Amino acid sequence: MDDIMEKFPNQRKRQKDFKCSIGFAMTVIGSKWGAIILWHILKSPHIRYGELKKSIPNISHKILSLELKRLEMDGLIERIAYPTIPPKVEYNLTEKGRSLDNILTELCLWGRKYMV
């Protein structure tokens, strides 16, 4: 378990005691917005903040910003800032983030099937 915690150093702060791998996985993906943000970045690599916000209209700017920082700290996404005027920032999945592709796709398919 310590090996897992080394790969996700911020995890110890959020979840002190989990007994199963699904619990750990859900805390890494995070809030209800975490998986949605990851899904949009997966489907649109090099997505900018404004595009991401338009793709998820019900999320506030504050929550989107906090979730992006958290996902970056966990090593699931990378933030690329370009030294331009006006500033340009893009988000991509890291290798660890891309490893969620099949999981997020299956969640999406399951949601479509059972959405009322």
PDB file of N, CA and C in Angstrom:
ATOM      1  N   MET A   1       0.827  -1.193   0.000  1.00  0.00           N
ATOM      2  CA  MET A   1       0.000   0.000   0.000  1.00  0.00           C
ATOM      3  C   MET A   1       0.868   1.251   0.000  1.00  0.00           C
ATOM      4  N   ASP A   2       2.027   1.223   0.653  1.00  0.00           N
ATOM      5  CA  ASP A   2       2.897   2.387   0.659  1.00  0.00           C
ATOM      6  C   ASP A   2       3.381   2.725  -0.745  1.00  0.00           C
ATOM      7  N   ASP A   3       3.564   1.697  -1.600  1.00  0.00           N
ATOM      8  CA  ASP A   3       3.970   1.929  -2.986  1.00  0.00           C
ATOM      9  C   ASP A   3       2.899   2.744  -3.708  1.00  0.00           C
ATOM     10  N   ILE A   4       1.636   2.430  -3.492  1.00  0.00           N
ATOM     11  CA  ILE A   4       0.525   3.169  -4.103  1.00  0.00           C
ATOM     12  C   ILE A   4       0.524   4.599  -3.587  1.00  0.00           C
ATOM     13  N   MET A   5       0.724   4.770  -2.287  1.00  0.00           N
ATOM     14  CA  MET A   5       0.697   6.103  -1.703  1.00  0.00           C
ATOM     15  C   MET A   5       1.832   6.970  -2.236  1.00  0.00           C
ATOM     16  N   GLU A   6       2.976   6.372  -2.571  1.00  0.00           N
ATOM     17  CA  GLU A   6       4.073   7.141  -3.149  1.00  0.00           C
ATOM     18  C   GLU A   6       3.688   7.679  -4.520  1.00  0.00           C
ATOM     19  N   LYS A   7       2.899   6.937  -5.278  1.00  0.00           N
ATOM     20  CA  LYS A   7       2.484   7.383  -6.607  1.00  0.00           C
ATOM     21  C   LYS A   7       1.421   8.472  -6.534  1.00  0.00           C
ATOM     22  N   PHE A   8       0.685   8.529  -5.430  1.00  0.00           N
ATOM     23  CA  PHE A   8      -0.356   9.536  -5.215  1.00  0.00           C
ATOM     24  C   PHE A   8      -0.095  10.211  -3.865  1.00  0.00           C
ATOM     25  N   PRO A   9       0.924  11.064  -3.777  1.00  0.00           N
ATOM     26  CA  PRO A   9       1.324  11.612  -2.487  1.00  0.00           C
ATOM     27  C   PRO A   9       0.247  12.427  -1.783  1.00  0.00           C
ATOM     28  N   ASN A  10      -0.637  13.070  -2.522  1.00  0.00           N
ATOM     29  CA  ASN A  10      -1.675  13.900  -1.897  1.00  0.00           C
ATOM     30  C   ASN A  10      -2.851  13.071  -1.401  1.00  0.00           C
ATOM     31  N   GLN A  11      -2.882  11.809  -1.740  1.00  0.00           N
ATOM     32  CA  GLN A  11      -3.993  10.952  -1.374  1.00  0.00           C
ATOM     33  C   GLN A  11      -4.098  10.780   0.138  1.00  0.00           C
ATOM     34  N   ARG A  12      -2.991  10.710   0.819  1.00  0.00           N
ATOM     35  CA  ARG A  12      -2.999  10.478   2.264  1.00  0.00           C
ATOM     36  C   ARG A  12      -3.789  11.564   2.985  1.00  0.00           C
ATOM     37  N   LYS A  13      -3.748  12.782   2.489  1.00  0.00           N
ATOM     38  CA  LYS A  13      -4.477  13.888   3.098  1.00  0.00           C
ATOM     39  C   LYS A  13      -5.988  13.709   2.960  1.00  0.00           C
ATOM     40  N   ARG A  14      -6.436  13.192   1.813  1.00  0.00           N
ATOM     41  CA  ARG A  14      -7.874  13.109   1.540  1.00  0.00           C
ATOM     42  C   ARG A  14      -8.524  11.869   2.107  1.00  0.00           C
ATOM     43  N   GLN A  15      -7.804  10.779   2.159  1.00  0.00           N
ATOM     44  CA  GLN A  15      -8.418   9.532   2.614  1.00  0.00           C
ATOM     45  C   GLN A  15      -7.423   8.806   3.504  1.00  0.00           C
ATOM     46  N   LYS A  16      -7.695   8.798   4.795  1.00  0.00           N
ATOM     47  CA  LYS A  16      -6.749   8.218   5.735  1.00  0.00           C
ATOM     48  C   LYS A  16      -6.790   6.703   5.754  1.00  0.00           C
ATOM     49  N   ASP A  17      -7.974   6.132   5.568  1.00  0.00           N
ATOM     50  CA  ASP A  17      -8.072   4.682   5.730  1.00  0.00           C
ATOM     51  C   ASP A  17      -9.061   4.110   4.729  1.00  0.00           C
ATOM     52  N   PHE A  18      -8.549   3.480   3.700  1.00  0.00           N
ATOM     53  CA  PHE A  18      -9.427   2.773   2.783  1.00  0.00           C
ATOM     54  C   PHE A  18      -9.057   1.304   2.823  1.00  0.00           C
ATOM     55  N   LYS A  19     -10.069   0.462   2.735  1.00  0.00           N
ATOM     56  CA  LYS A  19      -9.862  -0.972   2.894  1.00  0.00           C
ATOM     57  C   LYS A  19      -9.854  -1.717   1.566  1.00  0.00           C
ATOM     58  N   CYS A  20     -10.251  -1.066   0.476  1.00  0.00           N
ATOM     59  CA  CYS A  20     -10.305  -1.785  -0.795  1.00  0.00           C
ATOM     60  C   CYS A  20      -9.833  -0.880  -1.929  1.00  0.00           C
ATOM     61  N   SER A  21      -9.484  -1.495  -3.029  1.00  0.00           N
ATOM     62  CA  SER A  21      -8.953  -0.742  -4.161  1.00  0.00           C
ATOM     63  C   SER A  21     -10.001   0.155  -4.817  1.00  0.00           C
ATOM     64  N   ILE A  22     -11.272  -0.229  -4.781  1.00  0.00           N
ATOM     65  CA  ILE A  22     -12.310   0.628  -5.380  1.00  0.00           C
ATOM     66  C   ILE A  22     -12.433   1.928  -4.587  1.00  0.00           C
ATOM     67  N   GLY A  23     -12.289   1.845  -3.285  1.00  0.00           N
ATOM     68  CA  GLY A  23     -12.310   3.058  -2.461  1.00  0.00           C
ATOM     69  C   GLY A  23     -11.172   3.993  -2.812  1.00  0.00           C
ATOM     70  N   PHE A  24      -9.997   3.411  -2.978  1.00  0.00           N
ATOM     71  CA  PHE A  24      -8.850   4.225  -3.377  1.00  0.00           C
ATOM     72  C   PHE A  24      -9.071   4.852  -4.747  1.00  0.00           C
ATOM     73  N   ALA A  25      -9.532   4.048  -5.702  1.00  0.00           N
ATOM     74  CA  ALA A  25      -9.756   4.552  -7.062  1.00  0.00           C
ATOM     75  C   ALA A  25     -10.755   5.705  -7.062  1.00  0.00           C
ATOM     76  N   MET A  26     -11.820   5.577  -6.298  1.00  0.00           N
ATOM     77  CA  MET A  26     -12.837   6.623  -6.278  1.00  0.00           C
ATOM     78  C   MET A  26     -12.316   7.905  -5.638  1.00  0.00           C
ATOM     79  N   THR A  27     -11.430   7.794  -4.653  1.00  0.00           N
ATOM     80  CA  THR A  27     -10.882   9.018  -4.067  1.00  0.00           C
ATOM     81  C   THR A  27      -9.891   9.690  -5.003  1.00  0.00           C
ATOM     82  N   VAL A  28      -9.225   8.930  -5.853  1.00  0.00           N
ATOM     83  CA  VAL A  28      -8.303   9.529  -6.824  1.00  0.00           C
ATOM     84  C   VAL A  28      -9.095  10.247  -7.907  1.00  0.00           C
ATOM     85  N   ILE A  29     -10.137   9.600  -8.441  1.00  0.00           N
ATOM     86  CA  ILE A  29     -10.977  10.252  -9.450  1.00  0.00           C
ATOM     87  C   ILE A  29     -11.651  11.464  -8.827  1.00  0.00           C
ATOM     88  N   GLY A  30     -12.047  11.328  -7.564  1.00  0.00           N
ATOM     89  CA  GLY A  30     -12.500  12.481  -6.806  1.00  0.00           C
ATOM     90  C   GLY A  30     -13.986  12.723  -6.808  1.00  0.00           C
ATOM     91  N   SER A  31     -14.312  13.992  -6.801  1.00  0.00           N
ATOM     92  CA  SER A  31     -15.697  14.439  -6.695  1.00  0.00           C
ATOM     93  C   SER A  31     -16.505  14.051  -7.920  1.00  0.00           C
ATOM     94  N   LYS A  32     -17.761  14.460  -7.918  1.00  0.00           N
ATOM     95  CA  LYS A  32     -18.608  14.159  -9.071  1.00  0.00           C
ATOM     96  C   LYS A  32     -18.073  14.806 -10.337  1.00  0.00           C
ATOM     97  N   TRP A  33     -17.263  15.840 -10.210  1.00  0.00           N
ATOM     98  CA  TRP A  33     -16.742  16.539 -11.379  1.00  0.00           C
ATOM     99  C   TRP A  33     -15.456  15.921 -11.905  1.00  0.00           C
ATOM    100  N   GLY A  34     -14.695  15.218 -11.081  1.00  0.00           N
ATOM    101  CA  GLY A  34     -13.399  14.693 -11.484  1.00  0.00           C
ATOM    102  C   GLY A  34     -13.458  13.829 -12.731  1.00  0.00           C
ATOM    103  N   ALA A  35     -14.334  12.844 -12.733  1.00  0.00           N
ATOM    104  CA  ALA A  35     -14.444  11.939 -13.875  1.00  0.00           C
ATOM    105  C   ALA A  35     -14.937  12.678 -15.121  1.00  0.00           C
ATOM    106  N   ILE A  36     -15.830  13.643 -14.931  1.00  0.00           N
ATOM    107  CA  ILE A  36     -16.363  14.408 -16.058  1.00  0.00           C
ATOM    108  C   ILE A  36     -15.261  15.251 -16.699  1.00  0.00           C
ATOM    109  N   ILE A  37     -14.448  15.887 -15.884  1.00  0.00           N
ATOM    110  CA  ILE A  37     -13.325  16.687 -16.392  1.00  0.00           C
ATOM    111  C   ILE A  37     -12.343  15.785 -17.125  1.00  0.00           C
ATOM    112  N   LEU A  38     -12.007  14.663 -16.509  1.00  0.00           N
ATOM    113  CA  LEU A  38     -11.081  13.718 -17.150  1.00  0.00           C
ATOM    114  C   LEU A  38     -11.631  13.239 -18.490  1.00  0.00           C
ATOM    115  N   TRP A  39     -12.925  12.968 -18.540  1.00  0.00           N
ATOM    116  CA  TRP A  39     -13.562  12.499 -19.771  1.00  0.00           C
ATOM    117  C   TRP A  39     -13.417  13.538 -20.890  1.00  0.00           C
ATOM    118  N   HIS A  40     -13.677  14.799 -20.575  1.00  0.00           N
ATOM    119  CA  HIS A  40     -13.592  15.853 -21.590  1.00  0.00           C
ATOM    120  C   HIS A  40     -12.151  16.067 -22.055  1.00  0.00           C
ATOM    121  N   ILE A  41     -11.197  15.963 -21.146  1.00  0.00           N
ATOM    122  CA  ILE A  41      -9.792  16.108 -21.547  1.00  0.00           C
ATOM    123  C   ILE A  41      -9.370  14.899 -22.382  1.00  0.00           C
ATOM    124  N   LEU A  42      -9.882  13.721 -22.043  1.00  0.00           N
ATOM    125  CA  LEU A  42      -9.590  12.519 -22.814  1.00  0.00           C
ATOM    126  C   LEU A  42     -10.097  12.664 -24.249  1.00  0.00           C
ATOM    127  N   LYS A  43     -11.290  13.189 -24.406  1.00  0.00           N
ATOM    128  CA  LYS A  43     -11.908  13.301 -25.722  1.00  0.00           C
ATOM    129  C   LYS A  43     -11.408  14.505 -26.522  1.00  0.00           C
ATOM    130  N   SER A  44     -10.838  15.486 -25.854  1.00  0.00           N
ATOM    131  CA  SER A  44     -10.315  16.682 -26.539  1.00  0.00           C
ATOM    132  C   SER A  44      -8.938  17.027 -25.985  1.00  0.00           C
ATOM    133  N   PRO A  45      -7.905  16.284 -26.398  1.00  0.00           N
ATOM    134  CA  PRO A  45      -6.557  16.615 -25.914  1.00  0.00           C
ATOM    135  C   PRO A  45      -6.195  18.054 -26.267  1.00  0.00           C
ATOM    136  N   HIS A  46      -5.357  18.653 -25.468  1.00  0.00           N
ATOM    137  CA  HIS A  46      -4.931  20.047 -25.644  1.00  0.00           C
ATOM    138  C   HIS A  46      -6.117  20.993 -25.501  1.00  0.00           C
ATOM    139  N   ILE A  47      -7.013  20.679 -24.591  1.00  0.00           N
ATOM    140  CA  ILE A  47      -8.199  21.510 -24.392  1.00  0.00           C
ATOM    141  C   ILE A  47      -7.849  22.694 -23.498  1.00  0.00           C
ATOM    142  N   ARG A  48      -8.392  23.841 -23.849  1.00  0.00           N
ATOM    143  CA  ARG A  48      -8.154  25.052 -23.071  1.00  0.00           C
ATOM    144  C   ARG A  48      -9.234  25.196 -22.008  1.00  0.00           C
ATOM    145  N   TYR A  49      -8.944  26.019 -21.003  1.00  0.00           N
ATOM    146  CA  TYR A  49      -9.856  26.198 -19.881  1.00  0.00           C
ATOM    147  C   TYR A  49     -11.245  26.625 -20.352  1.00  0.00           C
ATOM    148  N   GLY A  50     -11.321  27.614 -21.222  1.00  0.00           N
ATOM    149  CA  GLY A  50     -12.619  28.107 -21.701  1.00  0.00           C
ATOM    150  C   GLY A  50     -13.425  27.041 -22.423  1.00  0.00           C
ATOM    151  N   GLU A  51     -12.739  26.221 -23.219  1.00  0.00           N
ATOM    152  CA  GLU A  51     -13.421  25.130 -23.923  1.00  0.00           C
ATOM    153  C   GLU A  51     -13.942  24.100 -22.922  1.00  0.00           C
ATOM    154  N   LEU A  52     -13.145  23.835 -21.917  1.00  0.00           N
ATOM    155  CA  LEU A  52     -13.544  22.877 -20.886  1.00  0.00           C
ATOM    156  C   LEU A  52     -14.764  23.393 -20.136  1.00  0.00           C
ATOM    157  N   LYS A  53     -14.753  24.678 -19.800  1.00  0.00           N
ATOM    158  CA  LYS A  53     -15.884  25.290 -19.091  1.00  0.00           C
ATOM    159  C   LYS A  53     -17.145  25.225 -19.940  1.00  0.00           C
ATOM    160  N   LYS A  54     -17.035  25.471 -21.241  1.00  0.00           N
ATOM    161  CA  LYS A  54     -18.204  25.390 -22.129  1.00  0.00           C
ATOM    162  C   LYS A  54     -18.724  23.963 -22.233  1.00  0.00           C
ATOM    163  N   SER A  55     -17.824  22.994 -22.151  1.00  0.00           N
ATOM    164  CA  SER A  55     -18.216  21.584 -22.241  1.00  0.00           C
ATOM    165  C   SER A  55     -18.943  21.108 -20.984  1.00  0.00           C
ATOM    166  N   ILE A  56     -18.700  21.797 -19.867  1.00  0.00           N
ATOM    167  CA  ILE A  56     -19.312  21.415 -18.582  1.00  0.00           C
ATOM    168  C   ILE A  56     -20.009  22.658 -18.020  1.00  0.00           C
ATOM    169  N   PRO A  57     -21.146  23.052 -18.590  1.00  0.00           N
ATOM    170  CA  PRO A  57     -21.764  24.336 -18.228  1.00  0.00           C
ATOM    171  C   PRO A  57     -22.232  24.449 -16.780  1.00  0.00           C
ATOM    172  N   ASN A  58     -22.531  23.347 -16.112  1.00  0.00           N
ATOM    173  CA  ASN A  58     -23.059  23.423 -14.747  1.00  0.00           C
ATOM    174  C   ASN A  58     -21.988  23.537 -13.675  1.00  0.00           C
ATOM    175  N   ILE A  59     -20.719  23.494 -14.042  1.00  0.00           N
ATOM    176  CA  ILE A  59     -19.653  23.613 -13.064  1.00  0.00           C
ATOM    177  C   ILE A  59     -19.264  25.089 -12.927  1.00  0.00           C
ATOM    178  N   SER A  60     -19.026  25.519 -11.695  1.00  0.00           N
ATOM    179  CA  SER A  60     -18.609  26.907 -11.482  1.00  0.00           C
ATOM    180  C   SER A  60     -17.127  27.051 -11.822  1.00  0.00           C
ATOM    181  N   HIS A  61     -16.712  28.281 -12.066  1.00  0.00           N
ATOM    182  CA  HIS A  61     -15.301  28.536 -12.358  1.00  0.00           C
ATOM    183  C   HIS A  61     -14.422  28.111 -11.183  1.00  0.00           C
ATOM    184  N   LYS A  62     -14.894  28.395  -9.979  1.00  0.00           N
ATOM    185  CA  LYS A  62     -14.113  28.061  -8.784  1.00  0.00           C
ATOM    186  C   LYS A  62     -13.896  26.555  -8.672  1.00  0.00           C
ATOM    187  N   ILE A  63     -14.956  25.782  -8.823  1.00  0.00           N
ATOM    188  CA  ILE A  63     -14.850  24.327  -8.700  1.00  0.00           C
ATOM    189  C   ILE A  63     -14.007  23.749  -9.828  1.00  0.00           C
ATOM    190  N   LEU A  64     -14.195  24.237 -11.054  1.00  0.00           N
ATOM    191  CA  LEU A  64     -13.390  23.750 -12.174  1.00  0.00           C
ATOM    192  C   LEU A  64     -11.910  24.002 -11.905  1.00  0.00           C
ATOM    193  N   SER A  65     -11.592  25.189 -11.454  1.00  0.00           N
ATOM    194  CA  SER A  65     -10.203  25.530 -11.163  1.00  0.00           C
ATOM    195  C   SER A  65      -9.626  24.641 -10.057  1.00  0.00           C
ATOM    196  N   LEU A  66     -10.386  24.437  -8.994  1.00  0.00           N
ATOM    197  CA  LEU A  66      -9.922  23.584  -7.883  1.00  0.00           C
ATOM    198  C   LEU A  66      -9.738  22.136  -8.330  1.00  0.00           C
ATOM    199  N   GLU A  67     -10.679  21.628  -9.111  1.00  0.00           N
ATOM    200  CA  GLU A  67     -10.592  20.243  -9.585  1.00  0.00           C
ATOM    201  C   GLU A  67      -9.408  20.055 -10.530  1.00  0.00           C
ATOM    202  N   LEU A  68      -9.162  21.026 -11.399  1.00  0.00           N
ATOM    203  CA  LEU A  68      -8.014  20.934 -12.301  1.00  0.00           C
ATOM    204  C   LEU A  68      -6.714  20.901 -11.504  1.00  0.00           C
ATOM    205  N   LYS A  69      -6.617  21.727 -10.476  1.00  0.00           N
ATOM    206  CA  LYS A  69      -5.414  21.725  -9.629  1.00  0.00           C
ATOM    207  C   LYS A  69      -5.246  20.397  -8.925  1.00  0.00           C
ATOM    208  N   ARG A  70      -6.344  19.836  -8.416  1.00  0.00           N
ATOM    209  CA  ARG A  70      -6.284  18.557  -7.706  1.00  0.00           C
ATOM    210  C   ARG A  70      -5.868  17.433  -8.655  1.00  0.00           C
ATOM    211  N   LEU A  71      -6.460  17.399  -9.841  1.00  0.00           N
ATOM    212  CA  LEU A  71      -6.117  16.361 -10.821  1.00  0.00           C
ATOM    213  C   LEU A  71      -4.666  16.493 -11.275  1.00  0.00           C
ATOM    214  N   GLU A  72      -4.189  17.731 -11.354  1.00  0.00           N
ATOM    215  CA  GLU A  72      -2.784  17.942 -11.704  1.00  0.00           C
ATOM    216  C   GLU A  72      -1.871  17.468 -10.574  1.00  0.00           C
ATOM    217  N   MET A  73      -2.229  17.779  -9.336  1.00  0.00           N
ATOM    218  CA  MET A  73      -1.420  17.333  -8.191  1.00  0.00           C
ATOM    219  C   MET A  73      -1.358  15.814  -8.100  1.00  0.00           C
ATOM    220  N   ASP A  74      -2.424  15.145  -8.495  1.00  0.00           N
ATOM    221  CA  ASP A  74      -2.447  13.680  -8.468  1.00  0.00           C
ATOM    222  C   ASP A  74      -1.756  13.070  -9.688  1.00  0.00           C
ATOM    223  N   GLY A  75      -1.298  13.905 -10.594  1.00  0.00           N
ATOM    224  CA  GLY A  75      -0.565  13.410 -11.749  1.00  0.00           C
ATOM    225  C   GLY A  75      -1.434  12.822 -12.842  1.00  0.00           C
ATOM    226  N   LEU A  76      -2.734  13.156 -12.852  1.00  0.00           N
ATOM    227  CA  LEU A  76      -3.639  12.641 -13.876  1.00  0.00           C
ATOM    228  C   LEU A  76      -3.709  13.545 -15.097  1.00  0.00           C
ATOM    229  N   ILE A  77      -3.475  14.840 -14.887  1.00  0.00           N
ATOM    230  CA  ILE A  77      -3.461  15.784 -15.998  1.00  0.00           C
ATOM    231  C   ILE A  77      -2.205  16.641 -15.902  1.00  0.00           C
ATOM    232  N   GLU A  78      -1.865  17.253 -17.032  1.00  0.00           N
ATOM    233  CA  GLU A  78      -0.775  18.222 -17.028  1.00  0.00           C
ATOM    234  C   GLU A  78      -1.308  19.539 -17.554  1.00  0.00           C
ATOM    235  N   ARG A  79      -0.822  20.597 -16.972  1.00  0.00           N
ATOM    236  CA  ARG A  79      -1.190  21.953 -17.361  1.00  0.00           C
ATOM    237  C   ARG A  79      -0.013  22.535 -18.133  1.00  0.00           C
ATOM    238  N   ILE A  80      -0.272  22.968 -19.361  1.00  0.00           N
ATOM    239  CA  ILE A  80       0.782  23.536 -20.194  1.00  0.00           C
ATOM    240  C   ILE A  80       0.469  25.010 -20.392  1.00  0.00           C
ATOM    241  N   ALA A  81       1.332  25.860 -19.851  1.00  0.00           N
ATOM    242  CA  ALA A  81       1.159  27.306 -19.968  1.00  0.00           C
ATOM    243  C   ALA A  81       2.113  27.829 -21.035  1.00  0.00           C
ATOM    244  N   TYR A  82       1.571  28.580 -21.975  1.00  0.00           N
ATOM    245  CA  TYR A  82       2.372  29.167 -23.042  1.00  0.00           C
ATOM    246  C   TYR A  82       2.633  30.636 -22.717  1.00  0.00           C
ATOM    247  N   PRO A  83       3.865  31.087 -22.908  1.00  0.00           N
ATOM    248  CA  PRO A  83       4.210  32.488 -22.582  1.00  0.00           C
ATOM    249  C   PRO A  83       3.750  33.454 -23.671  1.00  0.00           C
ATOM    250  N   THR A  84       2.452  33.592 -23.810  1.00  0.00           N
ATOM    251  CA  THR A  84       1.892  34.470 -24.829  1.00  0.00           C
ATOM    252  C   THR A  84       1.009  35.515 -24.167  1.00  0.00           C
ATOM    253  N   ILE A  85       0.678  36.533 -24.938  1.00  0.00           N
ATOM    254  CA  ILE A  85      -0.271  37.541 -24.468  1.00  0.00           C
ATOM    255  C   ILE A  85      -1.427  37.536 -25.443  1.00  0.00           C
ATOM    256  N   PRO A  86      -2.645  37.265 -25.028  1.00  0.00           N
ATOM    257  CA  PRO A  86      -3.037  36.868 -23.678  1.00  0.00           C
ATOM    258  C   PRO A  86      -2.514  35.468 -23.342  1.00  0.00           C
ATOM    259  N   PRO A  87      -2.454  35.158 -22.039  1.00  0.00           N
ATOM    260  CA  PRO A  87      -1.939  33.851 -21.635  1.00  0.00           C
ATOM    261  C   PRO A  87      -2.760  32.709 -22.222  1.00  0.00           C
ATOM    262  N   LYS A  88      -2.089  31.642 -22.574  1.00  0.00           N
ATOM    263  CA  LYS A  88      -2.748  30.464 -23.134  1.00  0.00           C
ATOM    264  C   LYS A  88      -2.354  29.262 -22.283  1.00  0.00           C
ATOM    265  N   VAL A  89      -3.355  28.512 -21.830  1.00  0.00           N
ATOM    266  CA  VAL A  89      -3.131  27.322 -21.019  1.00  0.00           C
ATOM    267  C   VAL A  89      -3.921  26.176 -21.629  1.00  0.00           C
ATOM    268  N   GLU A  90      -3.290  25.018 -21.730  1.00  0.00           N
ATOM    269  CA  GLU A  90      -3.956  23.813 -22.226  1.00  0.00           C
ATOM    270  C   GLU A  90      -3.801  22.704 -21.202  1.00  0.00           C
ATOM    271  N   TYR A  91      -4.739  21.775 -21.247  1.00  0.00           N
ATOM    272  CA  TYR A  91      -4.711  20.620 -20.349  1.00  0.00           C
ATOM    273  C   TYR A  91      -4.682  19.340 -21.162  1.00  0.00           C
ATOM    274  N   ASN A  92      -3.842  18.407 -20.726  1.00  0.00           N
ATOM    275  CA  ASN A  92      -3.718  17.084 -21.341  1.00  0.00           C
ATOM    276  C   ASN A  92      -3.719  16.039 -20.245  1.00  0.00           C
ATOM    277  N   LEU A  93      -4.067  14.828 -20.618  1.00  0.00           N
ATOM    278  CA  LEU A  93      -3.923  13.721 -19.678  1.00  0.00           C
ATOM    279  C   LEU A  93      -2.473  13.258 -19.668  1.00  0.00           C
ATOM    280  N   THR A  94      -2.009  12.872 -18.512  1.00  0.00           N
ATOM    281  CA  THR A  94      -0.700  12.244 -18.406  1.00  0.00           C
ATOM    282  C   THR A  94      -0.875  10.767 -18.751  1.00  0.00           C
ATOM    283  N   GLU A  95       0.209  10.033 -18.744  1.00  0.00           N
ATOM    284  CA  GLU A  95       0.117   8.587 -18.987  1.00  0.00           C
ATOM    285  C   GLU A  95      -0.787   7.929 -17.944  1.00  0.00           C
ATOM    286  N   LYS A  96      -0.646   8.363 -16.692  1.00  0.00           N
ATOM    287  CA  LYS A  96      -1.492   7.830 -15.616  1.00  0.00           C
ATOM    288  C   LYS A  96      -2.964   8.175 -15.876  1.00  0.00           C
ATOM    289  N   GLY A  97      -3.223   9.383 -16.349  1.00  0.00           N
ATOM    290  CA  GLY A  97      -4.582   9.792 -16.672  1.00  0.00           C
ATOM    291  C   GLY A  97      -5.149   9.017 -17.852  1.00  0.00           C
ATOM    292  N   ARG A  98      -4.317   8.796 -18.874  1.00  0.00           N
ATOM    293  CA  ARG A  98      -4.769   8.029 -20.044  1.00  0.00           C
ATOM    294  C   ARG A  98      -5.077   6.579 -19.695  1.00  0.00           C
ATOM    295  N   SER A  99      -4.489   6.085 -18.619  1.00  0.00           N
ATOM    296  CA  SER A  99      -4.781   4.710 -18.217  1.00  0.00           C
ATOM    297  C   SER A  99      -6.229   4.556 -17.748  1.00  0.00           C
ATOM    298  N   LEU A 100      -6.927   5.654 -17.545  1.00  0.00           N
ATOM    299  CA  LEU A 100      -8.344   5.625 -17.156  1.00  0.00           C
ATOM    300  C   LEU A 100      -9.278   5.564 -18.363  1.00  0.00           C
ATOM    301  N   ASP A 101      -8.737   5.567 -19.560  1.00  0.00           N
ATOM    302  CA  ASP A 101      -9.543   5.604 -20.786  1.00  0.00           C
ATOM    303  C   ASP A 101     -10.629   4.529 -20.788  1.00  0.00           C
ATOM    304  N   ASN A 102     -10.266   3.269 -20.642  1.00  0.00           N
ATOM    305  CA  ASN A 102     -11.261   2.183 -20.683  1.00  0.00           C
ATOM    306  C   ASN A 102     -12.279   2.299 -19.563  1.00  0.00           C
ATOM    307  N   ILE A 103     -11.827   2.699 -18.395  1.00  0.00           N
ATOM    308  CA  ILE A 103     -12.733   2.826 -17.237  1.00  0.00           C
ATOM    309  C   ILE A 103     -13.762   3.928 -17.498  1.00  0.00           C
ATOM    310  N   LEU A 104     -13.289   5.096 -17.936  1.00  0.00           N
ATOM    311  CA  LEU A 104     -14.202   6.212 -18.203  1.00  0.00           C
ATOM    312  C   LEU A 104     -15.146   5.901 -19.353  1.00  0.00           C
ATOM    313  N   THR A 105     -14.642   5.222 -20.376  1.00  0.00           N
ATOM    314  CA  THR A 105     -15.490   4.835 -21.513  1.00  0.00           C
ATOM    315  C   THR A 105     -16.594   3.892 -21.046  1.00  0.00           C
ATOM    316  N   GLU A 106     -16.251   2.909 -20.230  1.00  0.00           N
ATOM    317  CA  GLU A 106     -17.259   1.972 -19.716  1.00  0.00           C
ATOM    318  C   GLU A 106     -18.267   2.678 -18.821  1.00  0.00           C
ATOM    319  N   LEU A 107     -17.817   3.625 -17.996  1.00  0.00           N
ATOM    320  CA  LEU A 107     -18.752   4.405 -17.171  1.00  0.00           C
ATOM    321  C   LEU A 107     -19.713   5.198 -18.051  1.00  0.00           C
ATOM    322  N   CYS A 108     -19.187   5.788 -19.112  1.00  0.00           N
ATOM    323  CA  CYS A 108     -20.018   6.552 -20.041  1.00  0.00           C
ATOM    324  C   CYS A 108     -21.057   5.654 -20.708  1.00  0.00           C
ATOM    325  N   LEU A 109     -20.629   4.502 -21.177  1.00  0.00           N
ATOM    326  CA  LEU A 109     -21.555   3.564 -21.823  1.00  0.00           C
ATOM    327  C   LEU A 109     -22.618   3.070 -20.848  1.00  0.00           C
ATOM    328  N   TRP A 110     -22.202   2.769 -19.631  1.00  0.00           N
ATOM    329  CA  TRP A 110     -23.143   2.315 -18.615  1.00  0.00           C
ATOM    330  C   TRP A 110     -24.161   3.421 -18.324  1.00  0.00           C
ATOM    331  N   GLY A 111     -23.683   4.662 -18.202  1.00  0.00           N
ATOM    332  CA  GLY A 111     -24.577   5.786 -17.944  1.00  0.00           C
ATOM    333  C   GLY A 111     -25.586   5.993 -19.058  1.00  0.00           C
ATOM    334  N   ARG A 112     -25.129   5.874 -20.301  1.00  0.00           N
ATOM    335  CA  ARG A 112     -26.052   6.009 -21.447  1.00  0.00           C
ATOM    336  C   ARG A 112     -27.132   4.940 -21.408  1.00  0.00           C
ATOM    337  N   LYS A 113     -26.719   3.732 -21.054  1.00  0.00           N
ATOM    338  CA  LYS A 113     -27.656   2.599 -21.058  1.00  0.00           C
ATOM    339  C   LYS A 113     -28.740   2.762 -19.993  1.00  0.00           C
ATOM    340  N   TYR A 114     -28.357   3.279 -18.820  1.00  0.00           N
ATOM    341  CA  TYR A 114     -29.309   3.336 -17.707  1.00  0.00           C
ATOM    342  C   TYR A 114     -29.832   4.727 -17.413  1.00  0.00           C
ATOM    343  N   MET A 115     -29.474   5.717 -18.226  1.00  0.00           N
ATOM    344  CA  MET A 115     -29.951   7.077 -18.025  1.00  0.00           C
ATOM    345  C   MET A 115     -31.449   7.130 -18.350  1.00  0.00           C
ATOM    346  N   VAL A 116     -32.179   7.754 -17.511  1.00  0.00           N
ATOM    347  CA  VAL A 116     -33.630   7.830 -17.732  1.00  0.00           C
ATOM    348  C   VAL A 116     -33.985   9.132 -18.396  1.00  0.00           C
TER     349      VAL A 116
END
